[in-house]
Amino acid sequence: MRKLLLALMPLVLAPSAAFAQKEIPKAQGFDQCPAGYVNTLGTTCVSPVYYEVAPTNGDACQAGWMNIGAGYCKKKKGPLGVL
Protein backbone atom coordinates (compact mmCIF):
# COMPACT_ATOMS: atom_id res chain seq x y z
CA MET A 1 0.00 0.00 0.00
CA ARG A 2 2.81 2.38 0.87
CA LYS A 3 4.50 1.80 -2.50
CA LEU A 4 1.24 2.60 -4.26
CA LEU A 5 0.86 5.84 -2.33
CA LEU A 6 4.43 6.83 -3.07
CA ALA A 7 3.90 6.06 -6.76
CA LEU A 8 0.78 8.24 -6.86
CA MET A 9 2.34 11.14 -4.93
CA PRO A 10 3.76 12.91 -8.03
CA LEU A 11 0.33 12.85 -9.66
CA VAL A 12 -1.25 14.47 -6.63
CA LEU A 13 1.46 17.08 -6.24
CA ALA A 14 1.77 17.88 -9.95
CA PRO A 15 -0.07 21.02 -10.94
CA SER A 16 -3.23 20.50 -12.92
CA ALA A 17 -4.02 22.55 -16.02
CA ALA A 18 -1.91 25.67 -16.05
CA PHE A 19 -4.81 28.07 -15.68
CA ALA A 20 -7.46 25.98 -13.92
CA GLN A 21 -7.88 28.08 -10.83
CA LYS A 22 -10.30 29.21 -8.21
CA GLU A 23 -8.35 32.45 -7.70
CA ILE A 24 -6.98 34.54 -10.56
CA PRO A 25 -5.35 37.96 -10.73
CA LYS A 26 -7.30 40.76 -12.32
CA ALA A 27 -6.16 41.25 -15.90
CA GLN A 28 -4.03 44.30 -16.52
CA GLY A 29 -6.22 47.32 -17.29
CA PHE A 30 -9.40 45.77 -15.79
CA ASP A 31 -11.10 46.61 -12.50
CA GLN A 32 -13.81 43.94 -12.87
CA CYS A 33 -13.71 40.17 -12.66
CA PRO A 34 -14.69 37.80 -15.47
CA ALA A 35 -18.05 35.97 -15.45
CA GLY A 36 -18.14 33.28 -12.76
CA TYR A 37 -15.66 35.10 -10.50
CA VAL A 38 -16.26 37.41 -7.53
CA ASN A 39 -14.25 40.57 -6.91
CA THR A 40 -12.20 40.39 -3.70
CA LEU A 41 -11.91 44.20 -3.75
CA GLY A 42 -8.17 43.74 -4.12
CA THR A 43 -6.14 42.53 -7.06
CA THR A 44 -7.72 39.06 -7.35
CA CYS A 45 -10.97 37.38 -8.30
CA VAL A 46 -12.26 34.12 -6.76
CA SER A 47 -14.72 31.44 -7.85
CA PRO A 48 -16.30 28.49 -6.02
CA VAL A 49 -15.72 26.42 -9.19
CA TYR A 50 -12.47 25.52 -10.92
CA TYR A 51 -12.53 26.96 -14.43
CA GLU A 52 -9.77 26.56 -16.98
CA VAL A 53 -9.07 30.18 -17.90
CA ALA A 54 -6.41 32.04 -19.82
CA PRO A 55 -5.76 35.76 -20.23
CA THR A 56 -6.65 37.17 -23.65
CA ASN A 57 -3.78 39.66 -23.75
CA GLY A 58 -5.93 41.76 -26.09
CA ASP A 59 -6.42 38.95 -28.62
CA ALA A 60 -9.51 36.93 -29.55
CA CYS A 61 -10.09 33.63 -27.74
CA GLN A 62 -8.73 30.49 -29.37
CA ALA A 63 -11.03 27.86 -30.90
CA GLY A 64 -12.76 25.91 -28.14
CA TRP A 65 -12.59 28.84 -25.73
CA MET A 66 -15.17 31.53 -24.96
CA ASN A 67 -14.72 35.11 -23.82
CA ILE A 68 -15.88 35.60 -20.24
CA GLY A 69 -14.92 39.26 -20.09
CA ALA A 70 -12.44 41.27 -18.04
CA GLY A 71 -9.52 40.05 -20.14
CA TYR A 72 -10.08 36.26 -19.82
CA CYS A 73 -11.23 33.29 -21.91
CA LYS A 74 -12.70 30.07 -20.47
CA LYS A 75 -12.32 26.64 -22.05
CA LYS A 76 -15.64 25.27 -23.30
CA LYS A 77 -16.66 21.95 -21.79
CA GLY A 78 -19.58 19.57 -21.90
CA PRO A 79 -21.70 18.27 -24.76
CA LEU A 80 -23.02 21.72 -25.67
CA GLY A 81 -19.65 23.38 -25.24
CA VAL A 82 -21.06 25.85 -22.75
CA LEU A 83 -20.29 24.66 -19.22
PDB file of N, CA and C in Angstrom:
ATOM      1  N   MET A   1       0.832  -1.196   0.000  1.00  0.00           N
ATOM      2  CA  MET A   1       0.000   0.000   0.000  1.00  0.00           C
ATOM      3  C   MET A   1       0.873   1.254   0.000  1.00  0.00           C
ATOM      4  N   ARG A   2       1.942   1.216   0.783  1.00  0.00           N
ATOM      5  CA  ARG A   2       2.811   2.383   0.871  1.00  0.00           C
ATOM      6  C   ARG A   2       3.472   2.680  -0.472  1.00  0.00           C
ATOM      7  N   LYS A   3       3.888   1.618  -1.184  1.00  0.00           N
ATOM      8  CA  LYS A   3       4.505   1.802  -2.495  1.00  0.00           C
ATOM      9  C   LYS A   3       3.514   2.439  -3.477  1.00  0.00           C
ATOM     10  N   LEU A   4       2.275   2.017  -3.393  1.00  0.00           N
ATOM     11  CA  LEU A   4       1.242   2.597  -4.260  1.00  0.00           C
ATOM     12  C   LEU A   4       1.062   4.082  -3.968  1.00  0.00           C
ATOM     13  N   LEU A   5       1.010   4.428  -2.700  1.00  0.00           N
ATOM     14  CA  LEU A   5       0.856   5.835  -2.327  1.00  0.00           C
ATOM     15  C   LEU A   5       2.051   6.665  -2.776  1.00  0.00           C
ATOM     16  N   LEU A   6       3.243   6.111  -2.629  1.00  0.00           N
ATOM     17  CA  LEU A   6       4.430   6.830  -3.072  1.00  0.00           C
ATOM     18  C   LEU A   6       4.461   6.982  -4.593  1.00  0.00           C
ATOM     19  N   ALA A   7       3.946   5.989  -5.296  1.00  0.00           N
ATOM     20  CA  ALA A   7       3.904   6.064  -6.756  1.00  0.00           C
ATOM     21  C   ALA A   7       2.895   7.107  -7.223  1.00  0.00           C
ATOM     22  N   LEU A   8       1.815   7.279  -6.480  1.00  0.00           N
ATOM     23  CA  LEU A   8       0.779   8.238  -6.860  1.00  0.00           C
ATOM     24  C   LEU A   8       1.075   9.660  -6.394  1.00  0.00           C
ATOM     25  N   MET A   9       2.022   9.822  -5.492  1.00  0.00           N
ATOM     26  CA  MET A   9       2.336  11.140  -4.933  1.00  0.00           C
ATOM     27  C   MET A   9       2.652  12.188  -5.996  1.00  0.00           C
ATOM     28  N   PRO A  10       3.489  11.885  -7.018  1.00  0.00           N
ATOM     29  CA  PRO A  10       3.764  12.912  -8.030  1.00  0.00           C
ATOM     30  C   PRO A  10       2.507  13.362  -8.785  1.00  0.00           C
ATOM     31  N   LEU A  11       1.565  12.466  -8.967  1.00  0.00           N
ATOM     32  CA  LEU A  11       0.330  12.845  -9.658  1.00  0.00           C
ATOM     33  C   LEU A  11      -0.498  13.811  -8.825  1.00  0.00           C
ATOM     34  N   VAL A  12      -0.486  13.595  -7.531  1.00  0.00           N
ATOM     35  CA  VAL A  12      -1.249  14.467  -6.631  1.00  0.00           C
ATOM     36  C   VAL A  12      -0.583  15.826  -6.508  1.00  0.00           C
ATOM     37  N   LEU A  13       0.736  15.830  -6.438  1.00  0.00           N
ATOM     38  CA  LEU A  13       1.463  17.080  -6.240  1.00  0.00           C
ATOM     39  C   LEU A  13       1.684  17.859  -7.522  1.00  0.00           C
ATOM     40  N   ALA A  14       1.573  17.201  -8.667  1.00  0.00           N
ATOM     41  CA  ALA A  14       1.775  17.882  -9.947  1.00  0.00           C
ATOM     42  C   ALA A  14       0.657  18.883 -10.168  1.00  0.00           C
ATOM     43  N   PRO A  15       0.983  20.042 -10.687  1.00  0.00           N
ATOM     44  CA  PRO A  15      -0.068  21.022 -10.939  1.00  0.00           C
ATOM     45  C   PRO A  15      -1.001  20.538 -12.034  1.00  0.00           C
ATOM     46  N   SER A  16      -2.266  20.859 -11.880  1.00  0.00           N
ATOM     47  CA  SER A  16      -3.234  20.500 -12.920  1.00  0.00           C
ATOM     48  C   SER A  16      -3.080  21.483 -14.071  1.00  0.00           C
ATOM     49  N   ALA A  17      -4.106  21.653 -14.866  1.00  0.00           N
ATOM     50  CA  ALA A  17      -4.021  22.550 -16.016  1.00  0.00           C
ATOM     51  C   ALA A  17      -3.458  23.898 -15.581  1.00  0.00           C
ATOM     52  N   ALA A  18      -2.663  24.474 -16.405  1.00  0.00           N
ATOM     53  CA  ALA A  18      -1.913  25.671 -16.047  1.00  0.00           C
ATOM     54  C   ALA A  18      -2.798  26.803 -15.531  1.00  0.00           C
ATOM     55  N   PHE A  19      -3.979  26.948 -16.072  1.00  0.00           N
ATOM     56  CA  PHE A  19      -4.809  28.065 -15.677  1.00  0.00           C
ATOM     57  C   PHE A  19      -6.104  27.653 -14.990  1.00  0.00           C
ATOM     58  N   ALA A  20      -6.257  26.390 -14.631  1.00  0.00           N
ATOM     59  CA  ALA A  20      -7.464  25.978 -13.921  1.00  0.00           C
ATOM     60  C   ALA A  20      -7.323  26.437 -12.476  1.00  0.00           C
ATOM     61  N   GLN A  21      -8.073  27.451 -12.124  1.00  0.00           N
ATOM     62  CA  GLN A  21      -7.879  28.076 -10.826  1.00  0.00           C
ATOM     63  C   GLN A  21      -9.185  28.541 -10.227  1.00  0.00           C
ATOM     64  N   LYS A  22      -9.195  28.592  -8.920  1.00  0.00           N
ATOM     65  CA  LYS A  22     -10.297  29.213  -8.206  1.00  0.00           C
ATOM     66  C   LYS A  22     -10.010  30.690  -7.977  1.00  0.00           C
ATOM     67  N   GLU A  23      -8.739  31.059  -7.922  1.00  0.00           N
ATOM     68  CA  GLU A  23      -8.351  32.455  -7.702  1.00  0.00           C
ATOM     69  C   GLU A  23      -7.427  32.899  -8.827  1.00  0.00           C
ATOM     70  N   ILE A  24      -7.782  34.015  -9.452  1.00  0.00           N
ATOM     71  CA  ILE A  24      -6.983  34.541 -10.559  1.00  0.00           C
ATOM     72  C   ILE A  24      -6.699  36.020 -10.316  1.00  0.00           C
ATOM     73  N   PRO A  25      -5.607  36.516 -10.850  1.00  0.00           N
ATOM     74  CA  PRO A  25      -5.348  37.958 -10.730  1.00  0.00           C
ATOM     75  C   PRO A  25      -6.225  38.717 -11.720  1.00  0.00           C
ATOM     76  N   LYS A  26      -6.572  39.937 -11.369  1.00  0.00           N
ATOM     77  CA  LYS A  26      -7.304  40.764 -12.322  1.00  0.00           C
ATOM     78  C   LYS A  26      -6.383  41.050 -13.502  1.00  0.00           C
ATOM     79  N   ALA A  27      -6.954  40.995 -14.696  1.00  0.00           N
ATOM     80  CA  ALA A  27      -6.159  41.250 -15.896  1.00  0.00           C
ATOM     81  C   ALA A  27      -5.719  42.711 -15.903  1.00  0.00           C
ATOM     82  N   GLN A  28      -4.564  42.950 -16.471  1.00  0.00           N
ATOM     83  CA  GLN A  28      -4.028  44.301 -16.524  1.00  0.00           C
ATOM     84  C   GLN A  28      -4.996  45.217 -17.277  1.00  0.00           C
ATOM     85  N   GLY A  29      -5.312  46.350 -16.677  1.00  0.00           N
ATOM     86  CA  GLY A  29      -6.224  47.318 -17.285  1.00  0.00           C
ATOM     87  C   GLY A  29      -7.691  47.081 -16.965  1.00  0.00           C
ATOM     88  N   PHE A  30      -8.009  46.069 -16.143  1.00  0.00           N
ATOM     89  CA  PHE A  30      -9.398  45.773 -15.787  1.00  0.00           C
ATOM     90  C   PHE A  30      -9.598  45.900 -14.291  1.00  0.00           C
ATOM     91  N   ASP A  31     -10.740  46.513 -13.908  1.00  0.00           N
ATOM     92  CA  ASP A  31     -11.105  46.614 -12.495  1.00  0.00           C
ATOM     93  C   ASP A  31     -12.143  45.563 -12.117  1.00  0.00           C
ATOM     94  N   GLN A  32     -12.770  44.943 -13.128  1.00  0.00           N
ATOM     95  CA  GLN A  32     -13.807  43.944 -12.865  1.00  0.00           C
ATOM     96  C   GLN A  32     -13.223  42.549 -12.922  1.00  0.00           C
ATOM     97  N   CYS A  33     -14.074  41.583 -12.570  1.00  0.00           N
ATOM     98  CA  CYS A  33     -13.710  40.173 -12.663  1.00  0.00           C
ATOM     99  C   CYS A  33     -14.496  39.541 -13.802  1.00  0.00           C
ATOM    100  N   PRO A  34     -13.964  38.476 -14.398  1.00  0.00           N
ATOM    101  CA  PRO A  34     -14.695  37.801 -15.465  1.00  0.00           C
ATOM    102  C   PRO A  34     -15.928  37.081 -14.932  1.00  0.00           C
ATOM    103  N   ALA A  35     -16.826  36.689 -15.830  1.00  0.00           N
ATOM    104  CA  ALA A  35     -18.048  35.969 -15.451  1.00  0.00           C
ATOM    105  C   ALA A  35     -17.682  34.705 -14.683  1.00  0.00           C
ATOM    106  N   GLY A  36     -18.387  34.451 -13.582  1.00  0.00           N
ATOM    107  CA  GLY A  36     -18.139  33.285 -12.756  1.00  0.00           C
ATOM    108  C   GLY A  36     -17.189  33.552 -11.605  1.00  0.00           C
ATOM    109  N   TYR A  37     -16.601  34.734 -11.558  1.00  0.00           N
ATOM    110  CA  TYR A  37     -15.658  35.098 -10.495  1.00  0.00           C
ATOM    111  C   TYR A  37     -16.200  36.278  -9.703  1.00  0.00           C
ATOM    112  N   VAL A  38     -15.816  36.352  -8.431  1.00  0.00           N
ATOM    113  CA  VAL A  38     -16.260  37.415  -7.533  1.00  0.00           C
ATOM    114  C   VAL A  38     -15.061  38.294  -7.197  1.00  0.00           C
ATOM    115  N   ASN A  39     -15.291  39.589  -7.211  1.00  0.00           N
ATOM    116  CA  ASN A  39     -14.251  40.565  -6.910  1.00  0.00           C
ATOM    117  C   ASN A  39     -13.910  40.523  -5.426  1.00  0.00           C
ATOM    118  N   THR A  40     -12.629  40.394  -5.099  1.00  0.00           N
ATOM    119  CA  THR A  40     -12.195  40.392  -3.697  1.00  0.00           C
ATOM    120  C   THR A  40     -11.921  41.806  -3.202  1.00  0.00           C
ATOM    121  N   LEU A  41     -12.168  42.797  -4.033  1.00  0.00           N
ATOM    122  CA  LEU A  41     -11.908  44.202  -3.746  1.00  0.00           C
ATOM    123  C   LEU A  41     -10.419  44.473  -3.578  1.00  0.00           C
ATOM    124  N   GLY A  42      -9.628  43.583  -4.113  1.00  0.00           N
ATOM    125  CA  GLY A  42      -8.174  43.740  -4.124  1.00  0.00           C
ATOM    126  C   GLY A  42      -7.696  43.568  -5.557  1.00  0.00           C
ATOM    127  N   THR A  43      -6.692  42.749  -5.727  1.00  0.00           N
ATOM    128  CA  THR A  43      -6.141  42.525  -7.064  1.00  0.00           C
ATOM    129  C   THR A  43      -6.484  41.144  -7.609  1.00  0.00           C
ATOM    130  N   THR A  44      -7.372  40.409  -6.903  1.00  0.00           N
ATOM    131  CA  THR A  44      -7.724  39.064  -7.347  1.00  0.00           C
ATOM    132  C   THR A  44      -9.226  38.884  -7.471  1.00  0.00           C
ATOM    133  N   CYS A  45      -9.588  37.797  -8.150  1.00  0.00           N
ATOM    134  CA  CYS A  45     -10.972  37.377  -8.304  1.00  0.00           C
ATOM    135  C   CYS A  45     -11.039  35.911  -7.873  1.00  0.00           C
ATOM    136  N   VAL A  46     -12.119  35.502  -7.224  1.00  0.00           N
ATOM    137  CA  VAL A  46     -12.256  34.121  -6.764  1.00  0.00           C
ATOM    138  C   VAL A  46     -13.537  33.509  -7.298  1.00  0.00           C
ATOM    139  N   SER A  47     -13.552  32.180  -7.378  1.00  0.00           N
ATOM    140  CA  SER A  47     -14.716  31.440  -7.850  1.00  0.00           C
ATOM    141  C   SER A  47     -14.868  30.179  -7.010  1.00  0.00           C
ATOM    142  N   PRO A  48     -16.106  29.754  -6.741  1.00  0.00           N
ATOM    143  CA  PRO A  48     -16.300  28.494  -6.017  1.00  0.00           C
ATOM    144  C   PRO A  48     -16.056  27.277  -6.915  1.00  0.00           C
ATOM    145  N   VAL A  49     -15.894  27.501  -8.221  1.00  0.00           N
ATOM    146  CA  VAL A  49     -15.723  26.423  -9.192  1.00  0.00           C
ATOM    147  C   VAL A  49     -14.379  26.584  -9.888  1.00  0.00           C
ATOM    148  N   TYR A  50     -13.711  25.462 -10.151  1.00  0.00           N
ATOM    149  CA  TYR A  50     -12.470  25.516 -10.924  1.00  0.00           C
ATOM    150  C   TYR A  50     -12.812  25.665 -12.399  1.00  0.00           C
ATOM    151  N   TYR A  51     -12.395  26.748 -12.992  1.00  0.00           N
ATOM    152  CA  TYR A  51     -12.531  26.956 -14.425  1.00  0.00           C
ATOM    153  C   TYR A  51     -11.135  26.937 -15.036  1.00  0.00           C
ATOM    154  N   GLU A  52     -11.039  26.477 -16.261  1.00  0.00           N
ATOM    155  CA  GLU A  52      -9.770  26.563 -16.977  1.00  0.00           C
ATOM    156  C   GLU A  52      -9.812  27.862 -17.760  1.00  0.00           C
ATOM    157  N   VAL A  53      -9.057  28.848 -17.303  1.00  0.00           N
ATOM    158  CA  VAL A  53      -9.072  30.175 -17.904  1.00  0.00           C
ATOM    159  C   VAL A  53      -7.686  30.566 -18.380  1.00  0.00           C
ATOM    160  N   ALA A  54      -7.668  31.507 -19.300  1.00  0.00           N
ATOM    161  CA  ALA A  54      -6.407  32.035 -19.818  1.00  0.00           C
ATOM    162  C   ALA A  54      -6.620  33.505 -20.135  1.00  0.00           C
ATOM    163  N   PRO A  55      -5.624  34.346 -19.879  1.00  0.00           N
ATOM    164  CA  PRO A  55      -5.760  35.762 -20.230  1.00  0.00           C
ATOM    165  C   PRO A  55      -5.791  35.935 -21.745  1.00  0.00           C
ATOM    166  N   THR A  56      -6.543  36.929 -22.201  1.00  0.00           N
ATOM    167  CA  THR A  56      -6.652  37.168 -23.650  1.00  0.00           C
ATOM    168  C   THR A  56      -5.479  37.975 -24.179  1.00  0.00           C
ATOM    169  N   ASN A  57      -4.879  38.779 -23.327  1.00  0.00           N
ATOM    170  CA  ASN A  57      -3.780  39.665 -23.750  1.00  0.00           C
ATOM    171  C   ASN A  57      -4.181  40.508 -24.956  1.00  0.00           C
ATOM    172  N   GLY A  58      -5.445  40.902 -25.014  1.00  0.00           N
ATOM    173  CA  GLY A  58      -5.927  41.761 -26.091  1.00  0.00           C
ATOM    174  C   GLY A  58      -6.271  41.041 -27.377  1.00  0.00           C
ATOM    175  N   ASP A  59      -6.111  39.720 -27.422  1.00  0.00           N
ATOM    176  CA  ASP A  59      -6.421  38.948 -28.625  1.00  0.00           C
ATOM    177  C   ASP A  59      -7.768  38.248 -28.473  1.00  0.00           C
ATOM    178  N   ALA A  60      -8.278  37.718 -29.588  1.00  0.00           N
ATOM    179  CA  ALA A  60      -9.507  36.929 -29.553  1.00  0.00           C
ATOM    180  C   ALA A  60      -9.217  35.582 -28.894  1.00  0.00           C
ATOM    181  N   CYS A  61     -10.249  34.948 -28.354  1.00  0.00           N
ATOM    182  CA  CYS A  61     -10.089  33.633 -27.738  1.00  0.00           C
ATOM    183  C   CYS A  61      -9.802  32.594 -28.816  1.00  0.00           C
ATOM    184  N   GLN A  62      -9.046  31.575 -28.447  1.00  0.00           N
ATOM    185  CA  GLN A  62      -8.733  30.492 -29.373  1.00  0.00           C
ATOM    186  C   GLN A  62      -9.971  29.635 -29.605  1.00  0.00           C
ATOM    187  N   ALA A  63      -9.923  28.789 -30.622  1.00  0.00           N
ATOM    188  CA  ALA A  63     -11.025  27.865 -30.901  1.00  0.00           C
ATOM    189  C   ALA A  63     -11.215  26.951 -29.689  1.00  0.00           C
ATOM    190  N   GLY A  64     -12.463  26.735 -29.299  1.00  0.00           N
ATOM    191  CA  GLY A  64     -12.765  25.909 -28.136  1.00  0.00           C
ATOM    192  C   GLY A  64     -12.792  26.681 -26.830  1.00  0.00           C
ATOM    193  N   TRP A  65     -12.565  27.978 -26.899  1.00  0.00           N
ATOM    194  CA  TRP A  65     -12.593  28.842 -25.725  1.00  0.00           C
ATOM    195  C   TRP A  65     -13.643  29.919 -25.942  1.00  0.00           C
ATOM    196  N   MET A  66     -14.198  30.446 -24.851  1.00  0.00           N
ATOM    197  CA  MET A  66     -15.173  31.534 -24.957  1.00  0.00           C
ATOM    198  C   MET A  66     -14.750  32.704 -24.081  1.00  0.00           C
ATOM    199  N   ASN A  67     -15.061  33.896 -24.546  1.00  0.00           N
ATOM    200  CA  ASN A  67     -14.718  35.112 -23.825  1.00  0.00           C
ATOM    201  C   ASN A  67     -15.645  35.253 -22.631  1.00  0.00           C
ATOM    202  N   ILE A  68     -15.068  35.400 -21.437  1.00  0.00           N
ATOM    203  CA  ILE A  68     -15.884  35.598 -20.239  1.00  0.00           C
ATOM    204  C   ILE A  68     -15.702  37.004 -19.678  1.00  0.00           C
ATOM    205  N   GLY A  69     -15.077  37.862 -20.466  1.00  0.00           N
ATOM    206  CA  GLY A  69     -14.924  39.257 -20.095  1.00  0.00           C
ATOM    207  C   GLY A  69     -13.742  39.519 -19.179  1.00  0.00           C
ATOM    208  N   ALA A  70     -13.496  40.793 -18.937  1.00  0.00           N
ATOM    209  CA  ALA A  70     -12.443  41.265 -18.037  1.00  0.00           C
ATOM    210  C   ALA A  70     -11.075  40.705 -18.394  1.00  0.00           C
ATOM    211  N   GLY A  71     -10.838  40.465 -19.689  1.00  0.00           N
ATOM    212  CA  GLY A  71      -9.524  40.045 -20.143  1.00  0.00           C
ATOM    213  C   GLY A  71      -9.239  38.558 -20.051  1.00  0.00           C
ATOM    214  N   TYR A  72     -10.270  37.706 -19.946  1.00  0.00           N
ATOM    215  CA  TYR A  72     -10.078  36.263 -19.816  1.00  0.00           C
ATOM    216  C   TYR A  72     -10.956  35.473 -20.774  1.00  0.00           C
ATOM    217  N   CYS A  73     -10.475  34.280 -21.145  1.00  0.00           N
ATOM    218  CA  CYS A  73     -11.232  33.292 -21.908  1.00  0.00           C
ATOM    219  C   CYS A  73     -11.350  32.036 -21.053  1.00  0.00           C
ATOM    220  N   LYS A  74     -12.468  31.314 -21.203  1.00  0.00           N
ATOM    221  CA  LYS A  74     -12.696  30.067 -20.471  1.00  0.00           C
ATOM    222  C   LYS A  74     -12.827  28.936 -21.472  1.00  0.00           C
ATOM    223  N   LYS A  75     -12.239  27.789 -21.156  1.00  0.00           N
ATOM    224  CA  LYS A  75     -12.319  26.640 -22.045  1.00  0.00           C
ATOM    225  C   LYS A  75     -13.727  26.084 -22.019  1.00  0.00           C
ATOM    226  N   LYS A  76     -14.304  25.838 -23.201  1.00  0.00           N
ATOM    227  CA  LYS A  76     -15.639  25.269 -23.297  1.00  0.00           C
ATOM    228  C   LYS A  76     -15.578  23.807 -22.921  1.00  0.00           C
ATOM    229  N   LYS A  77     -16.597  23.353 -22.207  1.00  0.00           N
ATOM    230  CA  LYS A  77     -16.663  21.951 -21.786  1.00  0.00           C
ATOM    231  C   LYS A  77     -18.084  21.460 -21.914  1.00  0.00           C
ATOM    232  N   GLY A  78     -18.262  20.173 -21.878  1.00  0.00           N
ATOM    233  CA  GLY A  78     -19.584  19.573 -21.904  1.00  0.00           C
ATOM    234  C   GLY A  78     -20.074  19.343 -23.321  1.00  0.00           C
ATOM    235  N   PRO A  79     -21.195  18.636 -23.441  1.00  0.00           N
ATOM    236  CA  PRO A  79     -21.703  18.271 -24.761  1.00  0.00           C
ATOM    237  C   PRO A  79     -22.143  19.474 -25.589  1.00  0.00           C
ATOM    238  N   LEU A  80     -22.578  20.523 -24.944  1.00  0.00           N
ATOM    239  CA  LEU A  80     -23.017  21.716 -25.670  1.00  0.00           C
ATOM    240  C   LEU A  80     -21.891  22.730 -25.796  1.00  0.00           C
ATOM    241  N   GLY A  81     -20.774  22.471 -25.174  1.00  0.00           N
ATOM    242  CA  GLY A  81     -19.646  23.381 -25.240  1.00  0.00           C
ATOM    243  C   GLY A  81     -19.824  24.650 -24.447  1.00  0.00           C
ATOM    244  N   VAL A  82     -20.761  24.638 -23.494  1.00  0.00           N
ATOM    245  CA  VAL A  82     -21.060  25.852 -22.747  1.00  0.00           C
ATOM    246  C   VAL A  82     -20.499  25.799 -21.340  1.00  0.00           C
ATOM    247  N   LEU A  83     -20.688  24.728 -20.634  1.00  0.00           N
ATOM    248  CA  LEU A  83     -20.292  24.662 -19.218  1.00  0.00           C
ATOM    249  C   LEU A  83     -18.918  24.090 -19.035  1.00  0.00           C
TER     250      LEU A  83
END
